[in-house]
Amino acid sequence: MKKLIIALIVILVIVFAIILGVYLLTDILNPNNIQINEINLEGINNGAYLGVYETKLVKATVTVHIYDENIYKIDLLRHENGLGKKAEIILDKVTLANSVMVDHISGATYSSMVLLKSVEDAILKAQPEQVDFSEYKLVQLVGTIDNNSFEAIYNGVATAFRYPMIEQIMEELSISDGDMIYIICSVNEEQQNIVTKIIKK
């Protein structure tokens, strides 16, 4: 009898844990928890802008390319998505509509929302503003190392920096080897200099 009671208690604990897990997962993946806002492209300079949005289970990083106040291309740099990979085609819909207010991809609504928020983040970073150059480092570009990194002189020292799609961005911003550029960067756990914004001097 005692063994039966213990077995019932174990079963009840397992059932409760499963129900709780399903409830928490459903709440985490509830797309209603993410609010998409219309973007304003007016006054945004031509260029490429990095956008990031992360939730507990889905993460996305994009580069949004702006030309003549229009989105003409979006590069997907990262999408940790679980089963939401098919949502990635929503970036094509954003480009065609020149807006993030597009229909979600059926069966991948949550990933769709995360991708849209990453685009929204990029556009928000691109909004015209009075630049506080005290936040920036002024460096002299030496050249690209590969398409995701470049070398520049900072405080008289040749230093490597990481920035996705740097070759395309240099072309779009008319940056050449030897140019002075302003950058915002931080150091990650691997002691790499990660650049989040570039402005040509």
Protein backbone atom coordinates (compact mmCIF):
# COMPACT_ATOMS: atom_id res chain seq x y z
CA MET A 1 0.00 0.00 0.00
CA LYS A 2 2.82 2.37 0.89
CA LYS A 3 4.52 1.72 -2.46
CA LEU A 4 1.24 2.44 -4.26
CA ILE A 5 0.87 5.80 -2.49
CA ILE A 6 4.47 6.73 -3.35
CA ALA A 7 3.88 5.74 -6.98
CA LEU A 8 0.72 7.87 -7.14
CA ILE A 9 2.55 10.84 -5.65
CA VAL A 10 5.37 10.48 -8.21
CA ILE A 11 2.82 10.27 -11.04
CA LEU A 12 0.99 13.36 -9.78
CA VAL A 13 4.28 15.29 -9.54
CA ILE A 14 5.21 14.31 -13.10
CA VAL A 15 1.77 15.25 -14.44
CA PHE A 16 1.92 18.59 -12.62
CA ALA A 17 5.42 19.28 -14.00
CA ILE A 18 4.24 18.52 -17.55
CA ILE A 19 1.19 20.76 -17.22
CA LEU A 20 3.29 23.57 -15.75
CA GLY A 21 5.90 23.17 -18.50
CA VAL A 22 3.28 23.33 -21.23
CA TYR A 23 1.71 26.40 -19.62
CA LEU A 24 5.04 28.22 -19.32
CA LEU A 25 6.07 27.31 -22.86
CA THR A 26 2.72 28.48 -24.22
CA ASP A 27 3.10 31.78 -22.37
CA ILE A 28 6.69 32.27 -23.56
CA LEU A 29 5.74 31.59 -27.18
CA ASN A 30 2.60 33.74 -27.08
CA PRO A 31 2.95 36.18 -30.01
CA ASN A 32 0.62 38.60 -28.22
CA ASN A 33 3.55 39.34 -25.91
CA ILE A 34 5.35 41.05 -28.81
CA GLN A 35 4.13 44.39 -30.14
CA ILE A 36 5.06 45.35 -33.71
CA ASN A 37 5.22 49.09 -34.39
CA GLU A 38 5.14 50.84 -37.76
CA ILE A 39 8.52 52.11 -38.91
CA ASN A 40 9.36 55.55 -40.27
CA LEU A 41 11.95 55.60 -43.04
CA GLU A 42 11.75 59.34 -43.67
CA GLY A 43 15.09 61.06 -43.36
CA ILE A 44 17.11 57.88 -42.88
CA ASN A 45 20.49 58.03 -44.60
CA ASN A 46 21.49 55.42 -47.14
CA GLY A 47 23.36 52.61 -45.43
CA ALA A 48 23.21 49.25 -43.68
CA TYR A 49 21.87 48.99 -40.14
CA LEU A 50 22.16 46.12 -37.69
CA GLY A 51 19.03 44.97 -35.85
CA VAL A 52 18.74 42.44 -33.02
CA TYR A 53 15.78 40.99 -31.13
CA GLU A 54 15.94 38.13 -28.65
CA THR A 55 13.45 36.19 -26.57
CA LYS A 56 14.13 33.19 -24.37
CA LEU A 57 13.68 30.71 -27.22
CA VAL A 58 13.91 32.66 -30.49
CA LYS A 59 16.66 35.10 -31.48
CA ALA A 60 17.27 37.06 -34.68
CA THR A 61 19.91 39.40 -36.07
CA VAL A 62 19.54 41.20 -39.41
CA THR A 63 21.21 43.87 -41.48
CA VAL A 64 18.69 46.20 -43.11
CA HIS A 65 19.91 48.06 -46.20
CA ILE A 66 18.29 51.46 -46.84
CA TYR A 67 18.45 53.38 -50.11
CA ASP A 68 16.40 56.50 -50.91
CA GLU A 69 14.33 55.96 -47.76
CA ASN A 70 13.36 52.47 -48.89
CA ILE A 71 14.29 49.01 -47.68
CA TYR A 72 15.94 47.37 -50.65
CA LYS A 73 17.52 44.34 -48.97
CA ILE A 74 17.56 42.53 -45.62
CA ASP A 75 20.36 40.11 -44.74
CA LEU A 76 19.50 37.48 -42.14
CA LEU A 77 22.63 36.98 -40.03
CA ARG A 78 21.17 34.79 -37.28
CA HIS A 79 17.88 33.06 -36.56
CA GLU A 80 17.73 30.66 -33.64
CA ASN A 81 14.25 29.46 -34.31
CA GLY A 82 13.39 25.94 -33.19
CA LEU A 83 10.65 25.02 -35.69
CA GLY A 84 10.16 28.52 -37.06
CA LYS A 85 12.63 28.53 -39.96
CA LYS A 86 9.91 28.97 -42.56
CA ALA A 87 9.19 32.40 -41.04
CA GLU A 88 12.34 33.74 -42.69
CA ILE A 89 10.46 34.47 -45.93
CA ILE A 90 8.72 37.28 -44.04
CA LEU A 91 11.84 39.40 -44.63
CA ASP A 92 11.06 39.33 -48.37
CA LYS A 93 7.52 40.53 -47.59
CA VAL A 94 8.94 43.39 -45.50
CA THR A 95 11.23 44.43 -48.37
CA LEU A 96 8.39 44.40 -50.90
CA ALA A 97 6.00 46.27 -48.59
CA ASN A 98 8.68 48.63 -47.27
CA SER A 99 7.03 48.05 -43.91
CA VAL A 100 6.99 45.65 -40.96
CA MET A 101 3.17 45.69 -40.91
CA VAL A 102 2.85 42.51 -42.97
CA ASP A 103 0.99 39.23 -42.44
CA HIS A 104 2.76 36.63 -40.34
CA ILE A 105 3.86 33.29 -41.79
CA SER A 106 1.28 30.64 -40.94
CA GLY A 107 2.64 28.03 -38.53
CA ALA A 108 5.57 30.26 -37.54
CA THR A 109 3.87 33.29 -36.03
CA TYR A 110 6.24 33.70 -33.09
CA SER A 111 9.39 33.53 -35.23
CA SER A 112 7.72 35.95 -37.66
CA MET A 113 7.23 38.45 -34.83
CA VAL A 114 10.85 38.12 -33.65
CA LEU A 115 12.15 38.70 -37.19
CA LEU A 116 9.92 41.75 -37.59
CA LYS A 117 11.15 43.16 -34.28
CA SER A 118 14.77 42.74 -35.40
CA VAL A 119 13.99 44.81 -38.51
CA GLU A 120 12.20 47.37 -36.36
CA ASP A 121 15.26 47.56 -34.10
CA ALA A 122 17.52 48.26 -37.08
CA ILE A 123 15.26 51.05 -38.32
CA LEU A 124 15.06 52.62 -34.87
CA LYS A 125 18.86 52.68 -34.71
CA ALA A 126 18.93 54.30 -38.16
CA GLN A 127 16.65 57.19 -37.23
CA PRO A 128 18.27 60.60 -37.74
CA GLU A 129 19.59 61.97 -34.50
CA GLN A 130 22.01 64.46 -33.09
CA VAL A 131 25.05 62.24 -32.85
CA ASP A 132 26.93 62.32 -29.57
CA PHE A 133 30.40 61.46 -30.81
CA SER A 134 31.63 61.01 -27.26
CA GLU A 135 30.18 57.49 -27.52
CA TYR A 136 32.22 56.72 -30.63
CA LYS A 137 35.81 55.71 -31.28
CA LEU A 138 37.56 57.42 -34.17
CA VAL A 139 39.65 54.88 -36.11
CA GLN A 140 41.48 54.75 -39.41
CA LEU A 141 40.44 51.83 -41.59
CA VAL A 142 43.31 49.65 -42.78
CA GLY A 143 41.23 47.10 -44.68
CA THR A 144 38.95 44.11 -44.40
CA ILE A 145 40.13 40.81 -42.97
CA ASP A 146 37.09 38.94 -44.27
CA ASN A 147 33.45 39.86 -44.87
CA ASN A 148 32.76 39.93 -41.15
CA SER A 149 35.81 41.73 -39.79
CA PHE A 150 38.22 44.56 -40.52
CA GLU A 151 41.44 46.05 -39.23
CA ALA A 152 41.79 49.67 -38.16
CA ILE A 153 44.27 51.87 -36.35
CA TYR A 154 43.01 52.94 -32.93
CA ASN A 155 45.24 54.94 -30.59
CA GLY A 156 48.18 54.11 -32.84
CA VAL A 157 47.62 50.34 -32.65
CA ALA A 158 46.36 48.05 -35.43
CA THR A 159 43.22 46.43 -34.02
CA ALA A 160 40.78 43.85 -35.37
CA PHE A 161 37.05 44.59 -35.24
CA ARG A 162 34.03 42.40 -36.01
CA TYR A 163 31.10 43.68 -38.09
CA PRO A 164 28.82 41.52 -40.28
CA MET A 165 28.88 42.09 -44.05
CA ILE A 166 31.55 44.79 -43.71
CA GLU A 167 32.57 44.68 -47.38
CA GLN A 168 29.05 45.48 -48.60
CA ILE A 169 28.63 48.17 -45.95
CA MET A 170 31.90 49.84 -46.96
CA GLU A 171 30.67 49.96 -50.53
CA GLU A 172 27.27 51.37 -49.57
CA LEU A 173 28.77 54.04 -47.31
CA SER A 174 31.57 54.82 -49.81
CA ILE A 175 34.24 53.91 -47.27
CA SER A 176 37.73 53.10 -48.56
CA ASP A 177 40.92 51.82 -46.98
CA GLY A 178 42.61 54.70 -45.18
CA ASP A 179 39.37 56.54 -44.38
CA MET A 180 38.63 57.79 -40.88
CA ILE A 181 35.42 56.32 -39.45
CA TYR A 182 33.50 56.59 -36.20
CA ILE A 183 32.48 53.30 -34.60
CA ILE A 184 30.59 52.13 -31.53
CA CYS A 185 31.90 48.83 -30.23
CA SER A 186 32.06 46.60 -27.19
CA VAL A 187 34.21 43.63 -26.16
CA ASN A 188 32.54 40.21 -25.95
CA GLU A 189 33.44 37.19 -23.82
CA GLU A 190 36.01 36.06 -26.42
CA GLN A 191 37.69 39.50 -26.13
CA GLN A 192 36.61 40.41 -29.66
CA ASN A 193 35.79 44.03 -30.54
CA ILE A 194 32.16 43.87 -31.75
CA VAL A 195 31.07 46.93 -33.76
CA THR A 196 27.38 47.89 -33.69
CA LYS A 197 27.48 51.14 -35.67
CA ILE A 198 29.69 52.82 -38.27
CA ILE A 199 29.65 56.43 -39.47
CA LYS A 200 32.02 57.79 -42.07
CA LYS A 201 33.81 60.91 -40.89
